[in-house]
Amino acid sequence: MIDFQLSLHTRIGRRNVAVVIASIFLLLTCLIGVSTYYLFPKTNIVIAAGPKGSYLYDLAQSYADELQKKGGVKAEIIETSGVLENLALLNDASKNIDFGILQGGIANPKDSPDLFSLGSIFYDPIWIVYRAGLGEIDQLNQLKGKRIAIGTKQDSSQLIAKKLFKSASLDSSNVTFEDKDVQSAVKGLLDSNLDALVFLAPPEDLVLKEIFNNPSLRVMNMSQSEGIHRNLRSFTVISLPFATVDLSTSKPATNMKVMATTVTIATRIDVHPALIYLMMGVMDRIHESPSLISNENEFPADKDVDLPLSPTAEAYYKNGKPFLQHYLPFWLASFVEKMIFLLVSTAAIAYPLLSIYPAYQWMINRQIDRLYKKLHALERELFLGKIDQSIFNEKLTQLDEKANALLGHFDMPLAFYHRLYTIRDHIRKVLRWTGKADAHSGASLDE
């Protein structure tokens, strides 16, 4: 029986040791992973912006100023040719770009599987300007056969314009597209070398104000705008009220419908969630104010995005800024939040380990209690004369052997040894009291 019990206990002990080792290994793995990814977000990031002097570059610089001021994060602004290059840089993991400014309608999840959107930050109206001498034009198909400037090849306006014209069955087979920037195209319109111009700009743009105030040029009031939106959901219809662009000259002279895309902020899937939360807060502060074509707190928004919304950004739109970031610096709030996560995870792993110890303790104490119970039973039988001295000595020897076996075959905490040595001492005292100590183990029991 004792051999079976020891074998059983040894198997249980080995299994518990294996569980402990595996759990410790898992815990260490979690600690290393969490500490490197969650606890310590980097403090230097890279933003792909646009050409120096452009609105996009200036916007990225305002982000950098806020990131440094609010979170102690230094942002490097990368000058690019525009949003198309921004998209290419974001898709190239070797470029280490963390955030980039994109235009609605140029990205999709299939071609950019490693990118997330943080939402849209403002409308970017699409202006179609034509020569006043062509008469009233309010539909895209009226531009058939015309010469149209659609921006440079590096400019996203080419992609946007061709996508817009395609919805009205206009392409290079029935219109002439020319690669010209806005300034060159306006000159071409005034010289009658071009018929129309497509470009993207906010209504606050000074060039747009000059166009509205030039009697030789007109801006299309798109009567098809709602129909285009129904067919191309990446385009939004915005209302441009009378005199919005220039109050002094009451331009536009009537309410207008204008198509627009939305400018968005994109990030890579491996960017630290705390950095995304910080960027979301910066976007909120910069874009919450109203503009000529948007209401207060309309942006940033989780609408009109081509890429999947980042889970962190989605949580921000749903619940707002994490609680601790309202009261602590960015790095400290991030550290505390992840430490809470780490402690909860550790507790989840440690609880099974802690539950093993009481069971292990109960198992050992139970064996020692059994030895005491048998010792008491033997003494009682001897006193009542139910057992003779030789059998009594033999059974005491067996009890002592069991105690020795427990000591010799069990790896156990030091706290249990005093009970085993105590039961051995009590067995030998009983033997001495009966005057028969020498009968079963000789000097070994006296040591």
Protein backbone atom coordinates (compact mmCIF):
# COMPACT_ATOMS: atom_id res chain seq x y z
CA MET A 1 0.00 0.00 0.00
CA ILE A 2 2.78 2.43 0.90
CA ASP A 3 4.52 1.78 -2.44
CA PHE A 4 1.30 2.54 -4.32
CA GLN A 5 0.78 5.76 -2.33
CA LEU A 6 4.34 6.90 -2.88
CA SER A 7 4.09 6.13 -6.58
CA LEU A 8 0.82 8.02 -6.80
CA HIS A 9 2.22 10.98 -4.89
CA THR A 10 5.36 11.01 -6.98
CA ARG A 11 3.29 11.10 -10.20
CA ILE A 12 1.11 13.89 -8.82
CA GLY A 13 4.19 15.79 -7.66
CA ARG A 14 5.85 15.48 -11.06
CA ARG A 15 2.70 16.61 -12.82
CA ASN A 16 2.43 19.64 -10.55
CA VAL A 17 6.07 20.49 -11.14
CA ALA A 18 5.48 20.29 -14.91
CA VAL A 19 2.46 22.56 -14.61
CA VAL A 20 4.45 25.04 -12.53
CA ILE A 21 7.38 25.07 -15.00
CA ALA A 22 5.06 25.48 -18.01
CA SER A 23 3.13 28.25 -16.27
CA ILE A 24 6.31 30.09 -15.29
CA PHE A 25 7.55 29.85 -18.88
CA LEU A 26 4.21 31.20 -20.15
CA LEU A 27 4.30 33.97 -17.59
CA LEU A 28 7.82 35.01 -18.56
CA THR A 29 6.85 34.98 -22.24
CA CYS A 30 3.88 37.25 -21.48
CA LEU A 31 6.06 39.56 -19.40
CA ILE A 32 8.63 39.92 -22.18
CA GLY A 33 5.99 40.40 -24.87
CA VAL A 34 3.95 42.89 -22.91
CA SER A 35 6.97 44.86 -21.71
CA THR A 36 8.41 45.25 -25.21
CA TYR A 37 5.18 45.92 -27.09
CA TYR A 38 2.70 47.33 -24.61
CA LEU A 39 4.59 49.01 -21.81
CA PHE A 40 7.10 50.99 -23.79
CA PRO A 41 5.77 52.72 -26.95
CA LYS A 42 8.45 54.46 -28.97
CA THR A 43 8.81 58.20 -28.66
CA ASN A 44 9.94 58.91 -32.23
CA ILE A 45 7.52 58.52 -35.13
CA VAL A 46 7.45 59.31 -38.85
CA ILE A 47 4.59 61.00 -40.73
CA ALA A 48 4.32 61.00 -44.54
CA ALA A 49 2.88 64.40 -45.47
CA GLY A 50 3.17 66.17 -48.85
CA PRO A 51 5.23 68.82 -50.63
CA LYS A 52 6.77 71.52 -48.46
CA GLY A 53 4.58 74.58 -48.36
CA SER A 54 1.42 72.57 -49.09
CA TYR A 55 -1.56 72.40 -46.76
CA LEU A 56 -0.84 68.71 -46.09
CA TYR A 57 2.75 69.41 -45.04
CA ASP A 58 1.66 72.26 -42.78
CA LEU A 59 -1.02 70.00 -41.29
CA ALA A 60 1.55 67.30 -40.54
CA GLN A 61 3.74 69.93 -38.88
CA SER A 62 0.84 70.99 -36.64
CA TYR A 63 0.42 67.33 -35.71
CA ALA A 64 4.11 67.14 -34.85
CA ASP A 65 3.88 70.22 -32.62
CA GLU A 66 0.90 68.77 -30.73
CA LEU A 67 2.47 65.33 -30.39
CA GLN A 68 5.57 66.88 -28.84
CA LYS A 69 3.60 69.17 -26.56
CA LYS A 70 0.95 66.71 -25.37
CA GLY A 71 2.82 63.42 -25.42
CA GLY A 72 6.53 64.11 -25.59
CA VAL A 73 6.64 62.25 -28.91
CA LYS A 74 8.95 63.60 -31.60
CA ALA A 75 7.53 63.36 -35.12
CA GLU A 76 9.67 63.45 -38.25
CA ILE A 77 7.79 64.90 -41.23
CA ILE A 78 8.61 63.27 -44.56
CA GLU A 79 8.23 65.53 -47.59
CA THR A 80 6.48 63.69 -50.44
CA SER A 81 4.94 64.51 -53.80
CA GLY A 82 1.47 63.95 -52.35
CA VAL A 83 -0.98 61.39 -51.04
CA LEU A 84 -0.13 58.78 -53.70
CA GLU A 85 3.47 58.65 -52.51
CA ASN A 86 2.22 58.66 -48.91
CA LEU A 87 0.21 55.53 -49.66
CA ALA A 88 3.20 53.84 -51.30
CA LEU A 89 5.43 54.64 -48.33
CA LEU A 90 2.89 53.30 -45.84
CA ASN A 91 2.56 50.06 -47.80
CA ASP A 92 6.35 49.57 -47.72
CA ALA A 93 7.17 48.18 -44.25
CA SER A 94 10.89 48.87 -44.76
CA LYS A 95 10.25 52.64 -44.83
CA ASN A 96 9.10 52.63 -41.18
CA ILE A 97 6.32 55.15 -41.74
CA ASP A 98 3.91 55.28 -38.80
CA PHE A 99 1.22 57.66 -40.09
CA GLY A 100 0.33 59.12 -43.46
CA ILE A 101 -2.18 61.56 -44.92
CA LEU A 102 -4.37 59.99 -47.62
CA GLN A 103 -7.20 61.04 -49.90
CA GLY A 104 -10.54 59.29 -50.05
CA GLY A 105 -10.83 57.03 -53.08
CA ILE A 106 -7.15 56.14 -53.53
CA ALA A 107 -6.74 53.17 -51.17
CA ASN A 108 -8.47 49.84 -50.65
CA PRO A 109 -8.02 46.90 -48.23
CA LYS A 110 -7.01 44.48 -50.99
CA ASP A 111 -3.99 46.50 -52.12
CA SER A 112 -3.16 47.75 -48.61
CA PRO A 113 -3.81 44.81 -46.25
CA ASP A 114 -1.43 46.13 -43.57
CA LEU A 115 -3.03 49.54 -43.23
CA PHE A 116 -5.74 50.89 -40.95
CA SER A 117 -7.61 54.18 -41.09
CA LEU A 118 -7.88 56.52 -38.12
CA GLY A 119 -10.86 58.25 -39.73
CA SER A 120 -11.49 61.29 -41.90
CA ILE A 121 -10.31 64.74 -40.86
CA PHE A 122 -11.90 67.15 -43.36
CA TYR A 123 -13.71 67.40 -46.69
CA ASP A 124 -11.63 68.05 -49.79
CA PRO A 125 -13.97 69.56 -52.40
CA ILE A 126 -13.56 68.74 -56.09
CA TRP A 127 -13.77 71.94 -58.13
CA ILE A 128 -14.53 71.78 -61.85
CA VAL A 129 -13.70 75.13 -63.43
CA TYR A 130 -14.53 75.91 -67.05
CA ARG A 131 -14.35 78.84 -69.47
CA ALA A 132 -17.32 81.15 -69.23
CA GLY A 133 -17.47 81.23 -73.03
CA LEU A 134 -18.70 77.60 -73.07
CA GLY A 135 -22.04 78.62 -71.58
CA GLU A 136 -23.73 77.05 -68.54
CA ILE A 137 -22.35 73.60 -67.65
CA ASP A 138 -23.80 71.68 -64.70
CA GLN A 139 -23.42 68.04 -65.80
CA LEU A 140 -20.28 65.96 -66.37
CA ASN A 141 -21.38 64.65 -69.78
CA GLN A 142 -21.42 68.23 -71.07
CA LEU A 143 -17.60 68.07 -70.95
CA LYS A 144 -17.44 65.45 -73.69
CA GLY A 145 -14.90 66.40 -76.34
CA LYS A 146 -13.31 69.05 -74.14
CA ARG A 147 -9.69 69.62 -73.12
CA ILE A 148 -9.45 69.13 -69.37
CA ALA A 149 -6.49 69.69 -67.04
CA ILE A 150 -6.52 67.14 -64.22
CA GLY A 151 -3.29 67.90 -62.33
CA THR A 152 0.15 66.35 -62.48
CA LYS A 153 0.86 62.62 -62.47
CA GLN A 154 2.07 62.84 -58.87
CA ASP A 155 -1.17 64.50 -57.81
CA SER A 156 -4.11 62.47 -56.51
CA SER A 157 -6.49 64.78 -58.37
CA GLN A 158 -5.76 62.80 -61.57
CA LEU A 159 -6.97 59.57 -59.97
CA ILE A 160 -9.98 61.30 -58.41
CA ALA A 161 -10.91 63.12 -61.63
CA LYS A 162 -10.71 60.03 -63.82
CA LYS A 163 -12.78 58.07 -61.33
CA LEU A 164 -15.39 60.83 -61.30
CA PHE A 165 -15.49 61.18 -65.11
CA LYS A 166 -15.68 57.41 -65.58
CA SER A 167 -19.04 57.42 -63.76
CA ALA A 168 -20.36 59.59 -66.61
CA SER A 169 -18.66 57.46 -69.31
CA LEU A 170 -15.97 60.04 -69.93
CA ASP A 171 -12.45 58.80 -70.62
CA SER A 172 -9.49 59.41 -72.89
CA SER A 173 -11.55 58.23 -75.87
CA ASN A 174 -13.94 61.17 -75.73
CA VAL A 175 -12.08 63.87 -73.75
CA THR A 176 -8.52 65.13 -73.75
CA PHE A 177 -6.82 64.94 -70.38
CA GLU A 178 -3.81 67.17 -69.82
CA ASP A 179 -1.22 67.00 -67.05
CA LYS A 180 -1.02 70.52 -65.64
CA ASP A 181 -0.84 72.02 -62.18
CA VAL A 182 -3.47 74.52 -61.05
CA GLN A 183 -1.54 77.68 -61.89
CA SER A 184 -0.66 76.49 -65.40
CA ALA A 185 -4.20 75.25 -65.99
CA VAL A 186 -5.79 78.57 -64.97
CA LYS A 187 -3.50 80.36 -67.43
CA GLY A 188 -4.51 77.82 -70.10
CA LEU A 189 -8.20 78.51 -69.44
CA LEU A 190 -7.70 82.25 -69.71
CA ASP A 191 -5.75 81.77 -72.95
CA SER A 192 -8.45 79.43 -74.29
CA ASN A 193 -5.93 76.60 -74.61
CA LEU A 194 -8.00 74.55 -72.16
CA ASP A 195 -11.73 74.14 -71.62
CA ALA A 196 -11.87 72.93 -68.02
CA LEU A 197 -9.81 72.29 -64.92
CA VAL A 198 -10.30 69.78 -62.10
CA PHE A 199 -8.50 70.35 -58.79
CA LEU A 200 -9.00 69.73 -55.09
CA ALA A 201 -8.73 72.48 -52.48
CA PRO A 202 -10.53 73.78 -49.38
CA PRO A 203 -12.93 76.68 -49.98
CA GLU A 204 -10.55 78.90 -48.01
CA ASP A 205 -7.93 78.52 -50.76
CA LEU A 206 -6.92 81.95 -52.18
CA VAL A 207 -6.62 80.55 -55.73
CA LEU A 208 -10.24 79.43 -55.53
CA LYS A 209 -11.32 82.90 -54.45
CA GLU A 210 -9.53 84.38 -57.48
CA ILE A 211 -11.27 81.89 -59.77
CA PHE A 212 -14.72 82.73 -58.40
CA ASN A 213 -14.03 86.43 -58.89
CA ASN A 214 -12.73 86.10 -62.46
CA PRO A 215 -15.56 86.80 -64.95
CA SER A 216 -13.87 84.64 -67.61
CA LEU A 217 -14.14 81.53 -65.40
CA ARG A 218 -17.01 79.61 -63.86
CA VAL A 219 -17.22 76.86 -61.24
CA MET A 220 -19.58 73.99 -61.99
CA ASN A 221 -22.68 73.71 -59.80
CA MET A 222 -23.15 69.96 -60.15
CA SER A 223 -26.80 69.09 -60.64
CA GLN A 224 -25.82 65.37 -60.76
CA SER A 225 -24.14 65.43 -57.36
CA GLU A 226 -26.65 63.25 -55.50
CA GLY A 227 -26.68 60.72 -58.32
CA ILE A 228 -22.88 60.56 -58.35
CA HIS A 229 -22.85 60.00 -54.60
CA ARG A 230 -25.32 57.12 -54.94
CA ASN A 231 -23.04 55.45 -57.49
CA LEU A 232 -19.69 56.36 -55.92
CA ARG A 233 -19.91 56.22 -52.13
CA SER A 234 -16.35 57.47 -51.71
CA PHE A 235 -17.61 60.86 -52.94
CA THR A 236 -19.67 63.10 -50.65
CA VAL A 237 -22.06 65.88 -51.57
CA ILE A 238 -21.47 69.13 -49.71
CA SER A 239 -23.50 72.30 -49.83
CA LEU A 240 -21.72 75.55 -50.50
CA PRO A 241 -24.08 78.35 -49.44
CA PHE A 242 -24.35 81.69 -51.21
CA ALA A 243 -21.35 84.00 -50.55
CA THR A 244 -19.37 81.36 -48.62
CA VAL A 245 -16.11 81.81 -50.56
CA ASP A 246 -16.08 85.61 -50.65
CA LEU A 247 -18.55 87.68 -48.66
CA SER A 248 -17.31 90.96 -50.14
CA THR A 249 -18.32 89.93 -53.69
CA SER A 250 -21.06 87.44 -52.73
CA LYS A 251 -19.35 84.46 -54.32
CA PRO A 252 -20.68 82.02 -55.13
CA ALA A 253 -23.63 84.00 -56.38
CA THR A 254 -26.03 81.16 -55.52
CA ASN A 255 -26.16 78.03 -53.36
CA MET A 256 -24.05 75.27 -54.89
CA LYS A 257 -23.67 71.49 -54.73
CA VAL A 258 -20.07 70.32 -54.85
CA MET A 259 -18.60 66.83 -54.82
CA ALA A 260 -15.90 66.13 -52.27
CA THR A 261 -13.66 63.38 -51.02
CA THR A 262 -12.43 63.20 -47.44
CA VAL A 263 -8.83 63.42 -46.32
CA THR A 264 -7.94 60.63 -43.90
CA ILE A 265 -5.10 59.59 -41.61
CA ALA A 266 -3.79 56.07 -42.10
CA THR A 267 -1.46 53.95 -39.99
CA ARG A 268 0.20 50.56 -40.13
CA ILE A 269 -1.22 47.61 -38.18
CA ASP A 270 1.92 47.31 -36.03
CA VAL A 271 1.83 50.86 -34.65
CA HIS A 272 1.52 50.89 -30.85
CA PRO A 273 -2.10 51.40 -29.64
CA ALA A 274 -0.97 54.11 -27.21
CA LEU A 275 0.50 56.12 -30.11
CA ILE A 276 -2.78 55.76 -31.99
CA TYR A 277 -4.69 57.03 -28.96
CA LEU A 278 -2.31 59.97 -28.76
CA MET A 279 -2.71 60.72 -32.48
CA MET A 280 -6.50 60.49 -32.17
CA GLY A 281 -6.41 63.10 -29.41
CA VAL A 282 -4.28 65.37 -31.59
CA MET A 283 -6.67 64.95 -34.53
CA ASP A 284 -9.58 65.76 -32.22
CA ARG A 285 -8.01 69.00 -31.00
CA ILE A 286 -6.98 70.20 -34.47
CA HIS A 287 -10.09 69.29 -36.45
CA GLU A 288 -12.96 69.79 -34.00
CA SER A 289 -13.41 73.45 -34.99
CA PRO A 290 -15.95 74.27 -37.72
CA SER A 291 -14.89 75.27 -41.23
CA LEU A 292 -16.69 76.84 -44.18
CA ILE A 293 -18.08 73.43 -45.15
CA SER A 294 -18.14 71.44 -41.89
CA ASN A 295 -19.81 71.81 -38.52
CA GLU A 296 -18.14 71.91 -35.12
CA ASN A 297 -17.06 68.45 -33.95
CA GLU A 298 -17.97 66.94 -37.33
CA PHE A 299 -14.35 65.83 -37.68
CA PRO A 300 -12.49 63.65 -37.05
CA ALA A 301 -15.08 61.06 -38.01
CA ASP A 302 -15.31 57.34 -38.67
CA LYS A 303 -17.04 57.91 -42.02
CA ASP A 304 -16.00 57.97 -45.66
CA VAL A 305 -12.95 55.79 -45.06
CA ASP A 306 -11.60 53.37 -47.67
CA LEU A 307 -9.53 51.25 -45.27
CA PRO A 308 -10.74 49.29 -42.23
CA LEU A 309 -10.94 51.43 -39.12
CA SER A 310 -8.22 50.73 -36.56
CA PRO A 311 -9.66 48.86 -33.53
CA THR A 312 -8.01 51.47 -31.30
CA ALA A 313 -9.54 54.32 -33.32
CA GLU A 314 -12.90 52.56 -33.25
CA ALA A 315 -12.69 52.37 -29.45
CA TYR A 316 -11.77 56.07 -29.34
CA TYR A 317 -14.80 57.08 -31.41
CA LYS A 318 -17.02 54.93 -29.22
CA ASN A 319 -15.65 55.74 -25.76
CA GLY A 320 -13.39 58.75 -26.18
CA LYS A 321 -9.90 59.15 -24.78
CA PRO A 322 -8.82 56.52 -22.18
CA PHE A 323 -9.64 57.67 -18.65
CA LEU A 324 -6.06 57.96 -17.42
CA GLN A 325 -4.97 60.09 -20.38
CA HIS A 326 -7.26 62.84 -19.10
CA TYR A 327 -5.12 63.18 -15.97
CA LEU A 328 -1.65 61.76 -16.69
CA PRO A 329 1.05 62.42 -19.28
CA PHE A 330 0.83 60.19 -22.34
CA TRP A 331 3.75 57.91 -21.46
CA LEU A 332 2.65 57.47 -17.84
CA ALA A 333 -1.00 56.83 -18.74
CA SER A 334 0.10 54.24 -21.30
CA PHE A 335 2.39 52.58 -18.76
CA VAL A 336 -0.26 52.41 -16.03
CA GLU A 337 -2.94 51.10 -18.42
CA LYS A 338 -0.70 48.32 -19.66
CA MET A 339 0.53 47.51 -16.15
CA ILE A 340 -3.09 46.97 -15.13
CA PHE A 341 -3.49 44.66 -18.10
CA LEU A 342 -0.27 42.88 -17.17
CA LEU A 343 -1.32 42.40 -13.54
CA VAL A 344 -4.70 41.00 -14.54
CA SER A 345 -3.02 38.61 -16.99
CA THR A 346 -0.48 37.59 -14.36
CA ALA A 347 -3.23 36.93 -11.83
CA ALA A 348 -5.06 34.78 -14.36
CA ILE A 349 -1.95 32.67 -14.85
CA ALA A 350 -0.85 32.67 -11.22
CA TYR A 351 -4.23 31.62 -9.79
CA PRO A 352 -3.94 27.99 -10.98
CA LEU A 353 -0.42 27.86 -9.54
CA LEU A 354 -1.66 29.13 -6.21
CA SER A 355 -4.50 26.63 -6.24
CA ILE A 356 -2.03 23.75 -6.64
CA TYR A 357 -0.21 24.51 -3.40
CA PRO A 358 -3.17 24.05 -0.98
CA ALA A 359 -3.97 20.69 -2.61
CA TYR A 360 -0.33 19.67 -2.37
CA GLN A 361 -0.21 20.76 1.28
CA TRP A 362 -3.40 18.85 2.11
CA MET A 363 -2.04 15.68 0.49
CA ILE A 364 1.16 15.67 2.56
CA ASN A 365 -0.59 16.59 5.82
CA ARG A 366 -3.09 13.82 5.21
CA GLN A 367 -0.32 11.20 4.99
CA ILE A 368 1.29 12.44 8.21
CA ASP A 369 -2.11 12.48 9.95
CA ARG A 370 -2.61 8.87 8.92
CA LEU A 371 0.69 7.93 10.54
CA TYR A 372 -0.39 9.62 13.78
CA LYS A 373 -3.76 7.87 13.65
CA LYS A 374 -2.10 4.47 13.23
CA LEU A 375 0.38 5.21 16.03
CA HIS A 376 -2.47 6.07 18.38
CA ALA A 377 -4.40 2.95 17.35
CA LEU A 378 -1.38 0.71 18.02
CA GLU A 379 -0.82 2.19 21.52
CA ARG A 380 -4.47 1.71 22.34
CA GLU A 381 -4.40 -1.94 21.24
CA LEU A 382 -1.25 -2.54 23.31
CA PHE A 383 -2.78 -1.00 26.44
CA LEU A 384 -5.97 -3.05 26.02
CA GLY A 385 -3.98 -6.21 25.48
CA LYS A 386 -5.36 -6.75 21.98
CA ILE A 387 -1.90 -7.09 20.48
CA ASP A 388 1.27 -8.69 21.73
CA GLN A 389 4.59 -6.90 22.06
CA SER A 390 6.30 -8.46 19.03
CA ILE A 391 3.52 -7.51 16.62
CA PHE A 392 3.38 -4.05 18.22
CA ASN A 393 7.12 -3.59 17.59
CA GLU A 394 6.80 -4.83 14.03
CA LYS A 395 4.00 -2.41 13.19
CA LEU A 396 5.86 0.49 14.80
CA THR A 397 8.80 -0.38 12.57
CA GLN A 398 6.50 -0.23 9.55
CA LEU A 399 5.27 3.22 10.63
CA ASP A 400 8.85 4.43 10.96
CA GLU A 401 9.65 3.07 7.49
CA LYS A 402 6.67 4.94 6.04
CA ALA A 403 7.87 8.19 7.62
CA ASN A 404 11.37 7.55 6.21
CA ALA A 405 9.87 6.81 2.80
CA LEU A 406 7.97 10.09 2.77
CA LEU A 407 11.17 11.95 3.60
CA GLY A 408 13.17 10.04 1.00
CA HIS A 409 10.73 10.10 -1.92
CA PHE A 410 8.99 13.46 -1.73
CA ASP A 411 10.33 16.81 -2.90
CA MET A 412 8.37 19.18 -0.71
CA PRO A 413 8.59 22.66 0.83
CA LEU A 414 10.76 22.96 3.93
CA ALA A 415 7.68 23.77 6.02
CA PHE A 416 6.56 20.12 5.95
CA TYR A 417 9.80 18.55 7.16
CA HIS A 418 9.24 19.45 10.81
CA ARG A 419 6.03 17.38 10.86
CA LEU A 420 7.77 14.33 9.36
CA TYR A 421 10.69 14.56 11.78
CA THR A 422 8.24 15.04 14.62
CA ILE A 423 6.24 11.89 13.76
CA ARG A 424 9.48 9.91 13.54
CA ASP A 425 10.54 11.23 16.94
CA HIS A 426 7.16 10.30 18.43
CA ILE A 427 7.33 6.76 17.01
CA ARG A 428 10.75 6.25 18.58
CA LYS A 429 9.64 7.70 21.91
CA VAL A 430 6.82 5.17 21.99
CA LEU A 431 9.33 2.41 21.29
CA ARG A 432 11.61 3.66 24.07
CA TRP A 433 8.69 3.99 26.47
CA THR A 434 7.79 0.37 25.89
CA GLY A 435 11.46 -0.55 26.40
CA LYS A 436 11.67 -2.24 23.04
CA ALA A 437 13.55 0.26 20.89
CA ASP A 438 16.47 -2.10 20.26
CA ALA A 439 14.19 -4.82 18.98
CA HIS A 440 13.33 -3.38 15.61
CA SER A 441 16.06 -1.03 14.37
CA GLY A 442 18.89 -1.01 16.85
CA ALA A 443 21.05 2.04 17.09
CA SER A 444 19.51 3.68 14.02
CA LEU A 445 16.42 4.63 16.01
CA ASP A 446 18.52 6.11 18.82
CA GLU A 447 20.42 8.47 16.50
